[in-house]
């Protein structure tokens, strides 16, 4: 398990003395993901409103993973706490390297993936 020293980081670059508490479950999940998918990876930090911030991981093998944390500061501290991660943006190179796991699309589609009948299009009369 991670020690308390690993779970907190302080912002000394900005001259402030605020400590950011890294959630232990997110830290262990990201460490496990990096270990299972090549030991390195890219991470994209994306604010998602009041819910928090999504930390999207792309492993060295192209597999996707993610964690949602409370805010951007925690997300950046999480990336700093895990070795082998490079902060990135969704550029052409990163998107091209993504290799979704089998069944990923069906899992993300939820109930829609199990549908056999679909309603008639609302704009069908316009054709």
C-alpha atoms as a PDB file:
ATOM      1  CA  UNK A   1       0.000   0.000   0.000  1.00  0.00           C
ATOM      2  CA  UNK A   2       1.040   3.582  -0.505  1.00  0.00           C
ATOM      3  CA  UNK A   3       2.283   5.517   2.480  1.00  0.00           C
ATOM      4  CA  UNK A   4       0.847   8.847   3.574  1.00  0.00           C
ATOM      5  CA  UNK A   5       3.881  10.624   2.085  1.00  0.00           C
ATOM      6  CA  UNK A   6       3.048   9.180  -1.348  1.00  0.00           C
ATOM      7  CA  UNK A   7      -0.616  10.166  -1.024  1.00  0.00           C
ATOM      8  CA  UNK A   8       0.017  13.875  -0.563  1.00  0.00           C
ATOM      9  CA  UNK A   9       1.996  16.370  -2.563  1.00  0.00           C
ATOM     10  CA  UNK A  10       2.644  20.015  -1.831  1.00  0.00           C
ATOM     11  CA  UNK A  11       2.667  22.869  -4.288  1.00  0.00           C
ATOM     12  CA  UNK A  12       6.098  24.355  -3.612  1.00  0.00           C
ATOM     13  CA  UNK A  13       6.630  25.730  -7.138  1.00  0.00           C
ATOM     14  CA  UNK A  14       3.928  28.359  -6.733  1.00  0.00           C
ATOM     15  CA  UNK A  15       5.194  29.397  -3.309  1.00  0.00           C
ATOM     16  CA  UNK A  16       2.054  28.224  -1.523  1.00  0.00           C
ATOM     17  CA  UNK A  17       1.909  25.633   1.206  1.00  0.00           C
ATOM     18  CA  UNK A  18      -1.246  23.771   0.138  1.00  0.00           C
ATOM     19  CA  UNK A  19      -1.209  19.984   0.226  1.00  0.00           C
ATOM     20  CA  UNK A  20      -3.226  17.983  -2.284  1.00  0.00           C
ATOM     21  CA  UNK A  21      -4.593  14.681  -1.001  1.00  0.00           C
ATOM     22  CA  UNK A  22      -4.428  11.971  -3.653  1.00  0.00           C
ATOM     23  CA  UNK A  23      -7.230   9.387  -3.280  1.00  0.00           C
ATOM     24  CA  UNK A  24      -5.603   6.033  -2.471  1.00  0.00           C
ATOM     25  CA  UNK A  25      -8.077   4.029  -4.588  1.00  0.00           C
ATOM     26  CA  UNK A  26      -7.344   6.146  -7.685  1.00  0.00           C
ATOM     27  CA  UNK A  27      -3.599   5.952  -7.061  1.00  0.00           C
ATOM     28  CA  UNK A  28      -3.613   2.161  -6.752  1.00  0.00           C
ATOM     29  CA  UNK A  29      -5.908   1.765  -9.778  1.00  0.00           C
ATOM     30  CA  UNK A  30      -3.657   3.896 -11.984  1.00  0.00           C
ATOM     31  CA  UNK A  31      -0.496   2.142 -10.771  1.00  0.00           C
ATOM     32  CA  UNK A  32      -2.120  -1.217 -11.539  1.00  0.00           C
ATOM     33  CA  UNK A  33      -3.218  -0.010 -14.992  1.00  0.00           C
ATOM     34  CA  UNK A  34       0.273   1.219 -15.883  1.00  0.00           C
ATOM     35  CA  UNK A  35       1.791  -2.031 -14.650  1.00  0.00           C
ATOM     36  CA  UNK A  36      -0.619  -4.188 -16.670  1.00  0.00           C
ATOM     37  CA  UNK A  37      -0.315  -2.208 -19.901  1.00  0.00           C
ATOM     38  CA  UNK A  38       3.372  -1.815 -20.641  1.00  0.00           C
ATOM     39  CA  UNK A  39       4.751   0.188 -17.698  1.00  0.00           C
ATOM     40  CA  UNK A  40       4.299   3.544 -19.433  1.00  0.00           C
ATOM     41  CA  UNK A  41       1.442   5.509 -20.881  1.00  0.00           C
ATOM     42  CA  UNK A  42      -0.111   8.826 -21.712  1.00  0.00           C
ATOM     43  CA  UNK A  43      -2.681  10.619 -19.644  1.00  0.00           C
ATOM     44  CA  UNK A  44      -5.205  13.252 -20.710  1.00  0.00           C
ATOM     45  CA  UNK A  45      -6.707  15.398 -17.939  1.00  0.00           C
ATOM     46  CA  UNK A  46     -10.229  16.551 -18.813  1.00  0.00           C
ATOM     47  CA  UNK A  47     -12.502  18.670 -16.568  1.00  0.00           C
ATOM     48  CA  UNK A  48     -16.050  17.288 -16.683  1.00  0.00           C
ATOM     49  CA  UNK A  49     -18.000  19.947 -14.789  1.00  0.00           C
ATOM     50  CA  UNK A  50     -19.277  19.671 -11.247  1.00  0.00           C
ATOM     51  CA  UNK A  51     -18.549  15.954 -11.162  1.00  0.00           C
ATOM     52  CA  UNK A  52     -14.804  16.583 -11.197  1.00  0.00           C
ATOM     53  CA  UNK A  53     -11.978  15.770 -13.570  1.00  0.00           C
ATOM     54  CA  UNK A  54     -11.516  12.687 -15.727  1.00  0.00           C
ATOM     55  CA  UNK A  55      -8.021  11.243 -15.917  1.00  0.00           C
ATOM     56  CA  UNK A  56      -8.007   9.226 -19.146  1.00  0.00           C
ATOM     57  CA  UNK A  57      -5.142   6.765 -19.513  1.00  0.00           C
ATOM     58  CA  UNK A  58      -3.739   5.281 -22.708  1.00  0.00           C
ATOM     59  CA  UNK A  59      -1.387   2.411 -21.955  1.00  0.00           C
ATOM     60  CA  UNK A  60       1.720   1.615 -23.993  1.00  0.00           C
ATOM     61  CA  UNK A  61      -0.331  -1.129 -25.676  1.00  0.00           C
ATOM     62  CA  UNK A  62      -3.099   1.356 -26.596  1.00  0.00           C
ATOM     63  CA  UNK A  63      -5.696   0.156 -24.076  1.00  0.00           C
ATOM     64  CA  UNK A  64      -7.886   2.853 -22.509  1.00  0.00           C
ATOM     65  CA  UNK A  65      -8.574   3.360 -18.821  1.00  0.00           C
ATOM     66  CA  UNK A  66      -9.877   6.200 -16.698  1.00  0.00           C
ATOM     67  CA  UNK A  67     -10.442   7.520 -13.205  1.00  0.00           C
ATOM     68  CA  UNK A  68     -12.560  10.448 -12.057  1.00  0.00           C
ATOM     69  CA  UNK A  69     -11.197  12.640  -9.275  1.00  0.00           C
ATOM     70  CA  UNK A  70     -12.517  15.729  -7.507  1.00  0.00           C
ATOM     71  CA  UNK A  71     -10.546  18.464  -9.309  1.00  0.00           C
ATOM     72  CA  UNK A  72      -7.621  19.328 -11.614  1.00  0.00           C
ATOM     73  CA  UNK A  73      -5.137  19.746  -8.763  1.00  0.00           C
ATOM     74  CA  UNK A  74      -5.753  16.191  -7.588  1.00  0.00           C
ATOM     75  CA  UNK A  75      -5.488  14.933 -11.178  1.00  0.00           C
ATOM     76  CA  UNK A  76      -2.097  16.587 -11.670  1.00  0.00           C
ATOM     77  CA  UNK A  77      -0.866  15.292  -8.290  1.00  0.00           C
ATOM     78  CA  UNK A  78      -2.028  11.808  -9.275  1.00  0.00           C
ATOM     79  CA  UNK A  79      -0.039  11.921 -12.515  1.00  0.00           C
ATOM     80  CA  UNK A  80       3.041  13.174 -10.644  1.00  0.00           C
ATOM     81  CA  UNK A  81       2.723  10.358  -8.072  1.00  0.00           C
ATOM     82  CA  UNK A  82       2.763   7.592 -10.692  1.00  0.00           C
ATOM     83  CA  UNK A  83       5.966   7.002 -12.637  1.00  0.00           C
ATOM     84  CA  UNK A  84       5.884   6.307 -16.356  1.00  0.00           C
ATOM     85  CA  UNK A  85       3.016   8.634 -17.268  1.00  0.00           C
ATOM     86  CA  UNK A  86       3.278  11.500 -19.735  1.00  0.00           C
ATOM     87  CA  UNK A  87       0.644  14.223 -19.733  1.00  0.00           C
ATOM     88  CA  UNK A  88      -0.760  14.641 -23.256  1.00  0.00           C
ATOM     89  CA  UNK A  89      -3.610  16.085 -25.281  1.00  0.00           C
ATOM     90  CA  UNK A  90      -5.882  14.296 -27.734  1.00  0.00           C
ATOM     91  CA  UNK A  91      -3.679  14.880 -30.754  1.00  0.00           C
ATOM     92  CA  UNK A  92      -3.476  12.790 -33.928  1.00  0.00           C
ATOM     93  CA  UNK A  93      -0.609  10.633 -32.667  1.00  0.00           C
ATOM     94  CA  UNK A  94      -2.324   9.704 -29.387  1.00  0.00           C
ATOM     95  CA  UNK A  95      -5.702   9.022 -30.986  1.00  0.00           C
ATOM     96  CA  UNK A  96      -4.012   6.795 -33.588  1.00  0.00           C
ATOM     97  CA  UNK A  97      -2.309   4.755 -30.876  1.00  0.00           C
ATOM     98  CA  UNK A  98      -5.545   3.895 -29.046  1.00  0.00           C
ATOM     99  CA  UNK A  99      -6.562   0.249 -29.372  1.00  0.00           C
ATOM    100  CA  UNK A 100      -9.877  -0.334 -27.554  1.00  0.00           C
ATOM    101  CA  UNK A 101     -10.259  -3.720 -25.895  1.00  0.00           C
ATOM    102  CA  UNK A 102     -12.694  -6.209 -27.442  1.00  0.00           C
ATOM    103  CA  UNK A 103     -16.189  -5.458 -26.205  1.00  0.00           C
ATOM    104  CA  UNK A 104     -15.354  -1.859 -25.258  1.00  0.00           C
ATOM    105  CA  UNK A 105     -17.871  -0.343 -27.682  1.00  0.00           C
ATOM    106  CA  UNK A 106     -20.657  -2.650 -26.503  1.00  0.00           C
ATOM    107  CA  UNK A 107     -19.869  -1.840 -22.872  1.00  0.00           C
ATOM    108  CA  UNK A 108     -19.921   1.910 -23.515  1.00  0.00           C
ATOM    109  CA  UNK A 109     -23.161   1.709 -25.527  1.00  0.00           C
ATOM    110  CA  UNK A 110     -25.014   0.178 -22.557  1.00  0.00           C
ATOM    111  CA  UNK A 111     -28.640  -0.721 -23.211  1.00  0.00           C
ATOM    112  CA  UNK A 112     -28.483   0.506 -26.819  1.00  0.00           C
ATOM    113  CA  UNK A 113     -26.065  -2.302 -27.721  1.00  0.00           C
ATOM    114  CA  UNK A 114     -28.701  -4.915 -26.838  1.00  0.00           C
ATOM    115  CA  UNK A 115     -31.468  -3.401 -28.977  1.00  0.00           C
ATOM    116  CA  UNK A 116     -32.871  -5.348 -31.901  1.00  0.00           C
ATOM    117  CA  UNK A 117     -35.561  -2.811 -32.864  1.00  0.00           C
ATOM    118  CA  UNK A 118     -35.027   0.871 -33.300  1.00  0.00           C
ATOM    119  CA  UNK A 119     -37.706   3.580 -33.514  1.00  0.00           C
ATOM    120  CA  UNK A 120     -38.471   5.188 -36.859  1.00  0.00           C
ATOM    121  CA  UNK A 121     -36.466   8.329 -37.479  1.00  0.00           C
ATOM    122  CA  UNK A 122     -38.339  11.511 -36.533  1.00  0.00           C
ATOM    123  CA  UNK A 123     -37.191  13.323 -39.637  1.00  0.00           C
ATOM    124  CA  UNK A 124     -38.178  10.551 -42.061  1.00  0.00           C
ATOM    125  CA  UNK A 125     -41.027  12.688 -43.458  1.00  0.00           C
ATOM    126  CA  UNK A 126     -38.529  15.324 -44.644  1.00  0.00           C
ATOM    127  CA  UNK A 127     -36.960  13.019 -47.245  1.00  0.00           C
END
